[in-house]
């Protein structure tokens, strides 16, 4: 079963083949609009009436239901497309926020390591001078010096940084606060606490203290 669709208002063909949907004939309506004498059209309509004449009405209702369903489908497709667009925008915003957060965390870690790196040579010089001091002065300095050194190392080797460098491997991204760049890791030398990274077109060795986690841990 199939029919050719006509616009119910203009009676013009839409050139759509509706498979599985019966159609009603618009021949007499078109004839009337084209100027066929009204008495001939009326006689033709009288002769075509059958006991099952309600079929034409059912067909018309079916056509209206089909058009309504098509309009609903188009509206649903538009809503789904809008929802997909909103989801893409939301995902992009979340990814941008996560990257910015990671960069900020990397900057904070990098600045902390930079300041701690300045403390270590000073601590080493003080330790070197200790044997030259009188015993009383040396004892007075040793305890606070040890506490300071312990605090520096504890800040440098935080659990988060230890976990990050423990699992860092070739191909992972790392943040270099000094350059404000994210770089891929080429090699991890944990014994020397040195990373070899690709910065632009060149390879570079950086100390763990000069690198920071790119992703939040």
N, C-alpha and C. Protein backbone atom coordinates (compact mmCIF):
# COMPACT_ATOMS: atom_id res chain seq x y z
N UNK A 1 0.85 -1.19 0.00
CA UNK A 1 0.00 0.00 0.00
C UNK A 1 0.88 1.24 0.00
N UNK A 2 0.52 2.23 -0.83
CA UNK A 2 1.29 3.46 -0.89
C UNK A 2 0.41 4.56 -1.46
N UNK A 3 0.80 5.79 -1.23
CA UNK A 3 0.05 6.92 -1.78
C UNK A 3 1.00 8.07 -2.04
N UNK A 4 0.55 9.01 -2.86
CA UNK A 4 1.31 10.21 -3.14
C UNK A 4 0.69 11.36 -2.35
N UNK A 5 1.51 12.08 -1.60
CA UNK A 5 1.00 13.10 -0.70
C UNK A 5 0.62 14.38 -1.46
N UNK A 6 -0.51 14.97 -1.03
CA UNK A 6 -0.94 16.28 -1.52
C UNK A 6 -1.06 17.23 -0.33
N UNK A 7 -0.76 18.49 -0.57
CA UNK A 7 -0.98 19.48 0.47
C UNK A 7 -2.49 19.66 0.65
N UNK A 8 -3.01 19.51 1.88
CA UNK A 8 -4.47 19.56 2.07
C UNK A 8 -5.07 20.93 1.82
N UNK A 9 -4.28 21.99 1.85
CA UNK A 9 -4.81 23.35 1.66
C UNK A 9 -4.75 23.73 0.18
N UNK A 10 -3.55 23.62 -0.38
CA UNK A 10 -3.37 24.06 -1.77
C UNK A 10 -3.71 22.97 -2.78
N UNK A 11 -3.82 21.72 -2.31
CA UNK A 11 -4.04 20.56 -3.17
C UNK A 11 -2.91 20.36 -4.17
N UNK A 12 -1.78 20.97 -3.91
CA UNK A 12 -0.61 20.79 -4.78
C UNK A 12 0.15 19.55 -4.33
N UNK A 13 0.73 18.80 -5.24
CA UNK A 13 1.50 17.61 -4.85
C UNK A 13 2.78 18.02 -4.11
N UNK A 14 3.14 17.24 -3.11
CA UNK A 14 4.41 17.47 -2.39
C UNK A 14 5.53 16.60 -2.94
N UNK A 15 5.17 15.70 -3.85
CA UNK A 15 6.14 14.78 -4.48
C UNK A 15 6.80 13.87 -3.45
N UNK A 16 6.02 13.48 -2.44
CA UNK A 16 6.48 12.51 -1.45
C UNK A 16 5.65 11.25 -1.58
N UNK A 17 6.33 10.11 -1.67
CA UNK A 17 5.66 8.83 -1.74
C UNK A 17 5.56 8.27 -0.33
N UNK A 18 4.34 8.00 0.13
CA UNK A 18 4.12 7.51 1.48
C UNK A 18 3.85 6.01 1.41
N UNK A 19 4.87 5.23 1.69
CA UNK A 19 4.73 3.78 1.63
C UNK A 19 4.06 3.30 2.91
N UNK A 20 3.04 2.44 2.73
CA UNK A 20 2.34 1.89 3.89
C UNK A 20 1.20 2.76 4.37
N UNK A 21 0.96 3.91 3.69
CA UNK A 21 -0.12 4.81 4.10
C UNK A 21 -1.09 4.99 2.95
N UNK A 22 -2.36 4.64 3.10
CA UNK A 22 -3.32 4.85 2.02
C UNK A 22 -3.61 6.34 1.87
N UNK A 23 -3.98 6.73 0.65
CA UNK A 23 -4.28 8.13 0.39
C UNK A 23 -5.67 8.29 -0.19
N UNK A 24 -6.27 9.44 0.01
CA UNK A 24 -7.59 9.71 -0.55
C UNK A 24 -7.44 10.50 -1.84
N UNK A 25 -8.34 10.26 -2.76
CA UNK A 25 -8.27 10.94 -4.05
C UNK A 25 -8.70 12.40 -3.90
N UNK A 26 -7.93 13.29 -4.50
CA UNK A 26 -8.25 14.72 -4.50
C UNK A 26 -8.73 15.16 -5.89
N UNK A 27 -9.08 14.18 -6.73
CA UNK A 27 -9.40 14.51 -8.12
C UNK A 27 -10.57 15.47 -8.23
N UNK A 28 -11.66 15.22 -7.48
CA UNK A 28 -12.85 16.07 -7.60
C UNK A 28 -12.59 17.46 -7.02
N UNK A 29 -11.86 17.52 -5.94
CA UNK A 29 -11.54 18.83 -5.37
C UNK A 29 -10.70 19.65 -6.34
N UNK A 30 -9.74 18.98 -6.97
CA UNK A 30 -8.89 19.68 -7.94
C UNK A 30 -9.72 20.09 -9.16
N UNK A 31 -10.64 19.20 -9.59
CA UNK A 31 -11.50 19.52 -10.74
C UNK A 31 -12.36 20.73 -10.43
N UNK A 32 -12.92 20.78 -9.21
CA UNK A 32 -13.75 21.92 -8.83
C UNK A 32 -12.93 23.20 -8.88
N UNK A 33 -11.68 23.16 -8.36
CA UNK A 33 -10.83 24.35 -8.33
C UNK A 33 -10.43 24.77 -9.74
N UNK A 34 -10.32 23.82 -10.64
CA UNK A 34 -9.93 24.13 -12.02
C UNK A 34 -11.12 24.61 -12.87
N UNK A 35 -12.33 24.58 -12.30
CA UNK A 35 -13.48 25.16 -13.02
C UNK A 35 -14.44 24.18 -13.62
N UNK A 36 -14.37 22.90 -13.27
CA UNK A 36 -15.36 21.95 -13.76
C UNK A 36 -16.74 22.36 -13.22
N UNK A 37 -17.74 22.32 -14.04
CA UNK A 37 -19.08 22.74 -13.58
C UNK A 37 -19.47 22.08 -12.27
N UNK A 38 -20.04 22.87 -11.38
CA UNK A 38 -20.35 22.40 -10.04
C UNK A 38 -21.35 21.25 -10.05
N UNK A 39 -22.33 21.26 -11.00
CA UNK A 39 -23.30 20.19 -11.00
C UNK A 39 -22.68 18.86 -11.38
N UNK A 40 -21.66 18.89 -12.24
CA UNK A 40 -20.97 17.65 -12.60
C UNK A 40 -20.16 17.12 -11.41
N UNK A 41 -19.52 18.04 -10.70
CA UNK A 41 -18.72 17.63 -9.53
C UNK A 41 -19.64 17.04 -8.47
N UNK A 42 -20.80 17.68 -8.26
CA UNK A 42 -21.74 17.18 -7.25
C UNK A 42 -22.27 15.81 -7.63
N UNK A 43 -22.57 15.60 -8.91
CA UNK A 43 -23.06 14.30 -9.35
C UNK A 43 -21.98 13.23 -9.18
N UNK A 44 -20.74 13.59 -9.48
CA UNK A 44 -19.63 12.64 -9.31
C UNK A 44 -19.46 12.25 -7.85
N UNK A 45 -19.58 13.25 -6.97
CA UNK A 45 -19.44 12.96 -5.53
C UNK A 45 -20.59 12.07 -5.06
N UNK A 46 -21.83 12.29 -5.62
CA UNK A 46 -22.96 11.46 -5.22
C UNK A 46 -22.77 10.01 -5.65
N UNK A 47 -22.23 9.85 -6.85
CA UNK A 47 -22.04 8.50 -7.39
C UNK A 47 -20.92 7.73 -6.69
N UNK A 48 -19.97 8.44 -6.13
CA UNK A 48 -18.84 7.71 -5.52
C UNK A 48 -19.10 7.36 -4.05
N UNK A 49 -20.20 7.81 -3.46
CA UNK A 49 -20.48 7.51 -2.05
C UNK A 49 -20.74 6.02 -1.89
N UNK A 50 -20.11 5.40 -0.93
CA UNK A 50 -20.28 3.98 -0.63
C UNK A 50 -20.63 3.83 0.85
N UNK A 51 -21.07 2.66 1.25
CA UNK A 51 -21.36 2.46 2.68
C UNK A 51 -20.13 2.69 3.55
N UNK A 52 -18.95 2.43 2.99
CA UNK A 52 -17.72 2.62 3.77
C UNK A 52 -17.11 3.99 3.51
N UNK A 53 -17.99 4.96 3.27
CA UNK A 53 -17.47 6.30 2.96
C UNK A 53 -16.65 6.90 4.08
N UNK A 54 -16.78 6.40 5.31
CA UNK A 54 -16.01 6.95 6.41
C UNK A 54 -14.51 6.67 6.26
N UNK A 55 -14.15 5.79 5.32
CA UNK A 55 -12.72 5.48 5.12
C UNK A 55 -11.95 6.74 4.73
N UNK A 56 -12.55 7.58 3.89
CA UNK A 56 -11.87 8.80 3.47
C UNK A 56 -11.55 9.68 4.68
N UNK A 57 -12.51 9.74 5.61
CA UNK A 57 -12.27 10.54 6.82
C UNK A 57 -11.14 9.95 7.65
N UNK A 58 -11.12 8.63 7.77
CA UNK A 58 -10.05 7.98 8.52
C UNK A 58 -8.69 8.23 7.87
N UNK A 59 -8.69 8.18 6.53
CA UNK A 59 -7.44 8.42 5.82
C UNK A 59 -6.95 9.85 6.08
N UNK A 60 -7.89 10.80 6.06
CA UNK A 60 -7.53 12.19 6.32
C UNK A 60 -6.98 12.34 7.73
N UNK A 61 -7.63 11.69 8.70
CA UNK A 61 -7.15 11.77 10.08
C UNK A 61 -5.77 11.13 10.22
N UNK A 62 -5.57 10.03 9.50
CA UNK A 62 -4.27 9.37 9.52
C UNK A 62 -3.19 10.31 8.97
N UNK A 63 -3.53 11.02 7.88
CA UNK A 63 -2.57 11.96 7.31
C UNK A 63 -2.22 13.07 8.28
N UNK A 64 -3.24 13.58 8.99
CA UNK A 64 -2.98 14.63 9.98
C UNK A 64 -2.10 14.11 11.11
N UNK A 65 -2.37 12.88 11.55
CA UNK A 65 -1.56 12.29 12.63
C UNK A 65 -0.12 12.10 12.18
N UNK A 66 0.04 11.68 10.90
CA UNK A 66 1.39 11.48 10.40
C UNK A 66 2.15 12.81 10.33
N UNK A 67 1.45 13.86 9.86
CA UNK A 67 2.12 15.16 9.79
C UNK A 67 2.47 15.68 11.18
N UNK A 68 1.58 15.46 12.15
CA UNK A 68 1.87 15.88 13.52
C UNK A 68 3.07 15.13 14.08
N UNK A 69 3.12 13.83 13.78
CA UNK A 69 4.25 13.03 14.25
C UNK A 69 5.55 13.51 13.61
N UNK A 70 5.49 13.87 12.33
CA UNK A 70 6.69 14.36 11.65
C UNK A 70 7.16 15.68 12.26
N UNK A 71 6.21 16.57 12.56
CA UNK A 71 6.57 17.84 13.20
C UNK A 71 7.18 17.60 14.58
N UNK A 72 6.61 16.64 15.32
CA UNK A 72 7.15 16.32 16.65
C UNK A 72 8.57 15.76 16.53
N UNK A 73 8.78 14.91 15.50
CA UNK A 73 10.13 14.36 15.32
C UNK A 73 11.14 15.45 15.00
N UNK A 74 10.74 16.37 14.12
CA UNK A 74 11.64 17.48 13.77
C UNK A 74 11.97 18.32 15.00
N UNK A 75 10.93 18.61 15.82
CA UNK A 75 11.16 19.39 17.03
C UNK A 75 12.07 18.64 18.01
N UNK A 76 11.86 17.32 18.13
CA UNK A 76 12.70 16.52 19.03
C UNK A 76 14.15 16.50 18.55
N UNK A 77 14.33 16.35 17.23
CA UNK A 77 15.69 16.37 16.67
C UNK A 77 16.37 17.70 16.97
N UNK A 78 15.63 18.80 16.86
CA UNK A 78 16.20 20.11 17.14
C UNK A 78 16.59 20.23 18.60
N UNK A 79 15.74 19.71 19.51
CA UNK A 79 16.06 19.76 20.93
C UNK A 79 17.28 18.90 21.26
N UNK A 80 17.36 17.72 20.64
CA UNK A 80 18.52 16.85 20.87
C UNK A 80 19.80 17.50 20.36
N UNK A 81 19.72 18.15 19.21
CA UNK A 81 20.90 18.85 18.68
C UNK A 81 21.32 19.97 19.60
N UNK A 82 20.35 20.71 20.14
CA UNK A 82 20.67 21.79 21.07
C UNK A 82 21.29 21.24 22.35
N UNK A 83 20.75 20.13 22.84
CA UNK A 83 21.30 19.51 24.05
C UNK A 83 22.73 19.03 23.81
N UNK A 84 22.97 18.42 22.65
CA UNK A 84 24.33 17.96 22.33
C UNK A 84 25.30 19.14 22.26
N UNK A 85 24.84 20.25 21.68
CA UNK A 85 25.69 21.44 21.61
C UNK A 85 26.02 21.96 23.01
N UNK A 86 25.00 22.01 23.88
CA UNK A 86 25.22 22.47 25.26
C UNK A 86 26.20 21.55 26.00
N UNK A 87 26.06 20.24 25.77
CA UNK A 87 26.97 19.29 26.43
C UNK A 87 28.40 19.50 25.95
N UNK A 88 28.56 19.74 24.62
CA UNK A 88 29.91 19.99 24.11
C UNK A 88 30.50 21.27 24.71
N UNK A 89 29.68 22.30 24.82
CA UNK A 89 30.17 23.55 25.41
C UNK A 89 30.53 23.35 26.88
N UNK A 90 29.69 22.58 27.60
CA UNK A 90 29.98 22.32 29.00
C UNK A 90 31.27 21.52 29.16
N UNK A 91 31.44 20.51 28.31
CA UNK A 91 32.66 19.69 28.38
C UNK A 91 33.89 20.54 28.09
N UNK A 92 33.78 21.44 27.09
CA UNK A 92 34.91 22.30 26.76
C UNK A 92 35.23 23.22 27.92
N UNK A 93 34.20 23.76 28.60
CA UNK A 93 34.42 24.65 29.74
C UNK A 93 35.08 23.89 30.88
N UNK A 94 34.60 22.67 31.14
CA UNK A 94 35.19 21.88 32.22
C UNK A 94 36.64 21.52 31.92
N UNK A 95 36.92 21.18 30.66
CA UNK A 95 38.30 20.85 30.29
C UNK A 95 39.21 22.08 30.43
N UNK A 96 38.70 23.24 30.03
CA UNK A 96 39.49 24.46 30.14
C UNK A 96 39.75 24.80 31.61
N UNK A 97 38.70 24.62 32.45
CA UNK A 97 38.87 24.88 33.88
C UNK A 97 39.89 23.93 34.49
N UNK A 98 39.79 22.64 34.13
CA UNK A 98 40.72 21.65 34.68
C UNK A 98 42.16 21.97 34.27
N UNK A 99 42.35 22.37 33.01
CA UNK A 99 43.70 22.70 32.55
C UNK A 99 44.23 23.94 33.28
N UNK A 100 43.36 24.94 33.43
CA UNK A 100 43.79 26.16 34.12
C UNK A 100 44.13 25.86 35.58
N UNK A 101 43.31 25.02 36.23
CA UNK A 101 43.57 24.64 37.61
C UNK A 101 44.90 23.91 37.73
N UNK A 102 45.14 22.99 36.79
CA UNK A 102 46.40 22.25 36.80
C UNK A 102 47.59 23.19 36.62
N UNK A 103 47.46 24.17 35.75
CA UNK A 103 48.55 25.11 35.53
C UNK A 103 48.80 25.95 36.77
N UNK A 104 47.73 26.39 37.43
CA UNK A 104 47.88 27.18 38.66
C UNK A 104 48.56 26.35 39.75
N UNK A 105 48.11 25.09 39.86
CA UNK A 105 48.75 24.23 40.86
C UNK A 105 50.22 24.01 40.53
N UNK A 106 50.51 23.87 39.25
CA UNK A 106 51.89 23.71 38.83
C UNK A 106 52.72 24.93 39.16
N UNK A 107 52.16 26.12 38.96
CA UNK A 107 52.87 27.36 39.28
C UNK A 107 53.15 27.45 40.77
N UNK A 108 52.16 27.07 41.58
CA UNK A 108 52.35 27.12 43.04
C UNK A 108 53.43 26.14 43.46
N UNK A 109 53.36 24.91 42.95
CA UNK A 109 54.38 23.92 43.29
C UNK A 109 55.76 24.38 42.83
N UNK A 110 55.80 24.91 41.61
CA UNK A 110 57.10 25.36 41.09
C UNK A 110 57.69 26.48 41.90
N UNK A 111 56.86 27.45 42.32
CA UNK A 111 57.37 28.56 43.13
C UNK A 111 57.85 28.06 44.49
N UNK A 112 57.11 27.10 45.06
CA UNK A 112 57.54 26.53 46.34
C UNK A 112 58.88 25.85 46.19
N UNK A 113 59.06 25.06 45.15
CA UNK A 113 60.33 24.37 44.95
C UNK A 113 61.46 25.35 44.67
N UNK A 114 61.16 26.42 43.96
CA UNK A 114 62.20 27.40 43.67
C UNK A 114 62.70 28.05 44.97
N UNK A 115 61.78 28.38 45.85
CA UNK A 115 62.19 29.01 47.12
C UNK A 115 62.93 28.02 48.03
N UNK A 116 62.46 26.78 48.00
CA UNK A 116 63.17 25.77 48.81
C UNK A 116 64.57 25.53 48.26
N UNK A 117 64.70 25.59 46.94
CA UNK A 117 66.02 25.39 46.34
C UNK A 117 67.00 26.49 46.79
N UNK A 118 66.50 27.67 47.05
CA UNK A 118 67.36 28.76 47.54
C UNK A 118 67.77 28.53 49.00
N UNK A 119 66.93 27.81 49.73
CA UNK A 119 67.24 27.56 51.14
C UNK A 119 68.35 26.52 51.31
N UNK A 120 68.40 25.55 50.43
CA UNK A 120 69.31 24.43 50.62
C UNK A 120 70.78 24.86 50.63
N UNK A 121 71.25 25.70 49.71
CA UNK A 121 72.66 26.13 49.79
C UNK A 121 72.97 26.89 51.08
N UNK A 122 72.00 27.68 51.55
CA UNK A 122 72.23 28.41 52.79
C UNK A 122 72.36 27.45 53.97
N UNK A 123 71.52 26.43 53.98
CA UNK A 123 71.63 25.41 55.04
C UNK A 123 72.97 24.69 54.97
N UNK A 124 73.42 24.40 53.77
CA UNK A 124 74.70 23.71 53.62
C UNK A 124 75.85 24.58 54.13
N UNK A 125 75.78 25.88 53.85
CA UNK A 125 76.87 26.77 54.33
C UNK A 125 76.88 26.87 55.86
N UNK A 126 75.70 26.89 56.45
CA UNK A 126 75.63 26.96 57.91
C UNK A 126 76.19 25.68 58.51
N UNK A 127 75.85 24.54 57.92
CA UNK A 127 76.38 23.27 58.42
C UNK A 127 77.91 23.25 58.32
N UNK A 128 78.43 23.79 57.23
CA UNK A 128 79.89 23.80 57.05
C UNK A 128 80.58 24.68 58.08
N UNK A 129 79.88 25.70 58.56
CA UNK A 129 80.49 26.61 59.54
C UNK A 129 80.38 26.09 60.97
N UNK A 130 79.50 25.13 61.21
CA UNK A 130 79.28 24.66 62.58
C UNK A 130 80.55 24.20 63.30
N UNK A 131 81.43 23.42 62.64
CA UNK A 131 82.63 22.96 63.37
C UNK A 131 83.54 24.10 63.81
N UNK A 132 83.42 25.27 63.18
CA UNK A 132 84.30 26.39 63.51
C UNK A 132 83.78 27.21 64.68
N UNK A 133 82.56 26.94 65.11
CA UNK A 133 81.97 27.70 66.20
C UNK A 133 82.32 27.09 67.55
N UNK A 134 82.31 27.92 68.57
CA UNK A 134 82.50 27.38 69.94
C UNK A 134 81.39 26.38 70.26
N UNK A 135 81.73 25.48 71.17
CA UNK A 135 80.80 24.39 71.47
C UNK A 135 79.42 24.88 71.89
N UNK A 136 79.38 25.90 72.74
CA UNK A 136 78.09 26.39 73.24
C UNK A 136 77.25 26.96 72.10
N UNK A 137 77.91 27.75 71.26
CA UNK A 137 77.16 28.32 70.13
C UNK A 137 76.72 27.23 69.14
N UNK A 138 77.60 26.26 68.91
CA UNK A 138 77.26 25.19 67.98
C UNK A 138 76.04 24.42 68.47
N UNK A 139 76.01 24.10 69.78
CA UNK A 139 74.88 23.37 70.33
C UNK A 139 73.60 24.20 70.26
N UNK A 140 73.74 25.49 70.44
CA UNK A 140 72.56 26.36 70.39
C UNK A 140 71.97 26.44 68.98
N UNK A 141 72.82 26.26 67.98
CA UNK A 141 72.37 26.39 66.59
C UNK A 141 71.92 25.06 66.00
N UNK A 142 72.54 23.98 66.44
CA UNK A 142 72.29 22.68 65.82
C UNK A 142 70.81 22.27 65.85
N UNK A 143 70.15 22.45 66.98
CA UNK A 143 68.76 22.00 67.10
C UNK A 143 67.82 22.77 66.17
N UNK A 144 67.81 24.12 66.21
CA UNK A 144 66.93 24.83 65.27
C UNK A 144 67.32 24.62 63.81
N UNK A 145 68.63 24.42 63.56
CA UNK A 145 69.06 24.16 62.19
C UNK A 145 68.52 22.83 61.70
N UNK A 146 68.55 21.82 62.54
CA UNK A 146 68.00 20.51 62.17
C UNK A 146 66.51 20.59 61.93
N UNK A 147 65.80 21.35 62.75
CA UNK A 147 64.35 21.49 62.58
C UNK A 147 64.04 22.20 61.26
N UNK A 148 64.86 23.23 60.94
CA UNK A 148 64.65 23.95 59.69
C UNK A 148 64.91 23.05 58.49
N UNK A 149 66.00 22.27 58.54
CA UNK A 149 66.32 21.37 57.44
C UNK A 149 65.22 20.33 57.26
N UNK A 150 64.68 19.83 58.36
CA UNK A 150 63.62 18.84 58.29
C UNK A 150 62.36 19.43 57.66
N UNK A 151 62.06 20.67 58.03
CA UNK A 151 60.88 21.33 57.47
C UNK A 151 61.05 21.56 55.98
N UNK A 152 62.24 21.93 55.53
CA UNK A 152 62.50 22.16 54.12
C UNK A 152 62.31 20.87 53.33
N UNK A 153 62.87 19.79 53.83
CA UNK A 153 62.76 18.52 53.13
C UNK A 153 61.32 18.01 53.13
N UNK A 154 60.62 18.23 54.25
CA UNK A 154 59.22 17.79 54.31
C UNK A 154 58.36 18.55 53.31
N UNK A 155 58.63 19.86 53.17
CA UNK A 155 57.86 20.66 52.21
C UNK A 155 58.18 20.24 50.79
N UNK A 156 59.45 19.92 50.54
CA UNK A 156 59.86 19.55 49.19
C UNK A 156 59.32 18.19 48.79
N UNK A 157 59.39 17.26 49.73
CA UNK A 157 58.99 15.88 49.42
C UNK A 157 57.61 15.59 50.01
N UNK A 158 56.64 16.43 49.66
CA UNK A 158 55.29 16.20 50.14
C UNK A 158 54.77 14.89 49.55
N UNK A 159 53.79 14.33 50.22
CA UNK A 159 53.23 13.06 49.75
C UNK A 159 52.70 13.18 48.33
N UNK A 160 52.11 14.33 48.03
CA UNK A 160 51.55 14.51 46.69
C UNK A 160 52.63 14.52 45.63
N UNK A 161 53.72 15.23 45.89
CA UNK A 161 54.81 15.29 44.92
C UNK A 161 55.52 13.94 44.83
N UNK A 162 55.69 13.28 45.96
CA UNK A 162 56.32 11.97 45.93
C UNK A 162 55.50 11.01 45.06
N UNK A 163 54.19 11.03 45.25
CA UNK A 163 53.33 10.14 44.47
C UNK A 163 53.40 10.50 42.98
N UNK A 164 53.45 11.79 42.70
CA UNK A 164 53.48 12.22 41.29
C UNK A 164 54.76 11.75 40.61
N UNK A 165 55.92 12.02 41.22
CA UNK A 165 57.18 11.64 40.59
C UNK A 165 57.40 10.13 40.63
N UNK A 166 56.77 9.44 41.57
CA UNK A 166 56.91 7.99 41.63
C UNK A 166 56.23 7.32 40.43
N UNK A 167 55.13 7.89 39.95
CA UNK A 167 54.43 7.27 38.84
C UNK A 167 54.70 7.96 37.50
N UNK A 168 55.47 9.03 37.51
CA UNK A 168 55.78 9.74 36.27
C UNK A 168 56.61 8.85 35.36
N UNK A 169 56.26 8.81 34.08
CA UNK A 169 56.98 7.97 33.13
C UNK A 169 57.06 8.66 31.78
N UNK A 170 57.78 8.04 30.87
CA UNK A 170 57.97 8.61 29.54
C UNK A 170 56.62 8.82 28.85
N UNK A 171 56.48 10.00 28.25
CA UNK A 171 55.25 10.33 27.55
C UNK A 171 54.26 11.13 28.38
N UNK A 172 54.43 11.13 29.70
CA UNK A 172 53.52 11.89 30.56
C UNK A 172 53.80 13.39 30.42
N UNK A 173 52.78 14.24 30.62
CA UNK A 173 53.02 15.68 30.59
C UNK A 173 53.53 16.17 31.95
N UNK A 174 54.35 17.18 31.92
CA UNK A 174 54.86 17.81 33.13
C UNK A 174 54.82 19.32 32.92
N UNK A 175 54.59 20.05 33.98
CA UNK A 175 54.48 21.52 33.90
C UNK A 175 55.79 22.16 34.38
N UNK A 176 56.34 23.07 33.56
CA UNK A 176 57.57 23.79 33.91
C UNK A 176 57.20 25.25 34.20
N UNK A 177 57.05 25.61 35.47
CA UNK A 177 56.65 26.97 35.81
C UNK A 177 57.60 28.03 35.27
N UNK A 178 58.89 27.73 35.22
CA UNK A 178 59.86 28.72 34.75
C UNK A 178 59.59 29.14 33.31
N UNK A 179 59.13 28.20 32.50
CA UNK A 179 58.86 28.49 31.09
C UNK A 179 57.37 28.68 30.80
N UNK A 180 56.53 28.36 31.80
CA UNK A 180 55.09 28.45 31.57
C UNK A 180 54.61 27.53 30.48
N UNK A 181 55.19 26.33 30.41
CA UNK A 181 54.87 25.41 29.32
C UNK A 181 54.60 24.01 29.88
N UNK A 182 53.76 23.31 29.16
CA UNK A 182 53.57 21.88 29.41
C UNK A 182 54.44 21.11 28.43
N UNK A 183 55.21 20.18 28.96
CA UNK A 183 56.17 19.45 28.12
C UNK A 183 56.01 17.95 28.32
N UNK A 184 56.24 17.17 27.27
CA UNK A 184 56.23 15.71 27.43
C UNK A 184 57.56 15.22 28.02
N UNK A 185 57.46 14.21 28.86
CA UNK A 185 58.65 13.64 29.49
C UNK A 185 59.29 12.62 28.55
N UNK A 186 60.61 12.75 28.35
CA UNK A 186 61.34 11.80 27.52
C UNK A 186 62.03 10.72 28.37
N UNK A 187 62.47 11.12 29.56
CA UNK A 187 63.17 10.16 30.43
C UNK A 187 63.09 10.65 31.87
N UNK A 188 62.99 9.70 32.81
CA UNK A 188 62.94 10.02 34.23
C UNK A 188 64.15 9.38 34.91
N UNK A 189 65.01 10.20 35.50
CA UNK A 189 66.17 9.72 36.25
C UNK A 189 65.90 9.99 37.73
N UNK A 190 65.31 9.01 38.40
CA UNK A 190 64.94 9.20 39.80
C UNK A 190 66.15 9.24 40.72
N UNK A 191 67.22 8.58 40.33
CA UNK A 191 68.41 8.60 41.17
C UNK A 191 69.00 10.01 41.25
N UNK A 192 69.06 10.68 40.10
CA UNK A 192 69.57 12.06 40.07
C UNK A 192 68.46 13.09 40.28
N UNK A 193 67.21 12.61 40.32
CA UNK A 193 66.04 13.49 40.45
C UNK A 193 66.02 14.50 39.31
N UNK A 194 66.18 13.97 38.09
CA UNK A 194 66.24 14.81 36.90
C UNK A 194 65.27 14.26 35.85
N UNK A 195 64.63 15.16 35.15
CA UNK A 195 63.76 14.81 34.04
C UNK A 195 64.36 15.31 32.73
N UNK A 196 64.23 14.52 31.68
CA UNK A 196 64.55 14.99 30.35
C UNK A 196 63.24 15.20 29.62
N UNK A 197 63.02 16.43 29.15
CA UNK A 197 61.74 16.79 28.55
C UNK A 197 61.98 17.41 27.17
N UNK A 198 60.91 17.46 26.38
CA UNK A 198 60.95 18.10 25.07
C UNK A 198 60.29 19.48 25.21
N UNK A 199 61.09 20.53 25.08
CA UNK A 199 60.62 21.90 25.17
C UNK A 199 60.71 22.52 23.79
N UNK A 200 59.57 22.63 23.12
CA UNK A 200 59.59 23.14 21.76
C UNK A 200 60.30 22.17 20.84
N UNK A 201 61.40 22.63 20.23
CA UNK A 201 62.17 21.81 19.31
C UNK A 201 63.45 21.25 19.94
N UNK A 202 63.64 21.45 21.23
CA UNK A 202 64.88 20.99 21.86
C UNK A 202 64.58 20.16 23.10
N UNK A 203 65.56 19.31 23.45
CA UNK A 203 65.46 18.52 24.67
C UNK A 203 66.14 19.28 25.80
N UNK A 204 65.60 19.10 27.00
CA UNK A 204 66.09 19.85 28.15
C UNK A 204 66.05 18.97 29.38
N UNK A 205 67.10 19.11 30.22
CA UNK A 205 67.11 18.41 31.50
C UNK A 205 66.72 19.39 32.60
N UNK A 206 65.76 18.98 33.42
CA UNK A 206 65.31 19.81 34.52
C UNK A 206 65.29 18.97 35.79
N UNK A 207 65.57 19.63 36.91
CA UNK A 207 65.52 18.95 38.20
C UNK A 207 64.07 18.79 38.63
N UNK A 208 63.83 17.78 39.45
CA UNK A 208 62.48 17.59 39.98
C UNK A 208 61.95 18.88 40.63
N UNK A 209 62.86 19.62 41.27
CA UNK A 209 62.43 20.84 41.96
C UNK A 209 61.92 21.90 41.00
N UNK A 210 62.30 21.81 39.73
CA UNK A 210 61.88 22.81 38.74
C UNK A 210 60.68 22.35 37.92
N UNK A 211 60.10 21.23 38.31
CA UNK A 211 58.95 20.68 37.58
C UNK A 211 57.78 20.54 38.55
N UNK A 212 56.60 20.48 37.99
CA UNK A 212 55.40 20.35 38.80
C UNK A 212 54.40 19.48 38.07
N UNK A 213 53.48 18.95 38.85
CA UNK A 213 52.43 18.10 38.27
C UNK A 213 51.55 18.93 37.36
N UNK A 214 51.28 18.39 36.19
CA UNK A 214 50.38 19.10 35.28
C UNK A 214 48.93 18.82 35.63
N UNK A 215 48.62 17.59 36.03
CA UNK A 215 47.26 17.22 36.37
C UNK A 215 47.11 17.19 37.88
N UNK A 216 45.90 17.58 38.33
CA UNK A 216 45.65 17.55 39.76
C UNK A 216 45.70 16.11 40.26
N UNK A 217 46.33 15.94 41.41
CA UNK A 217 46.48 14.59 41.98
C UNK A 217 45.44 14.35 43.06
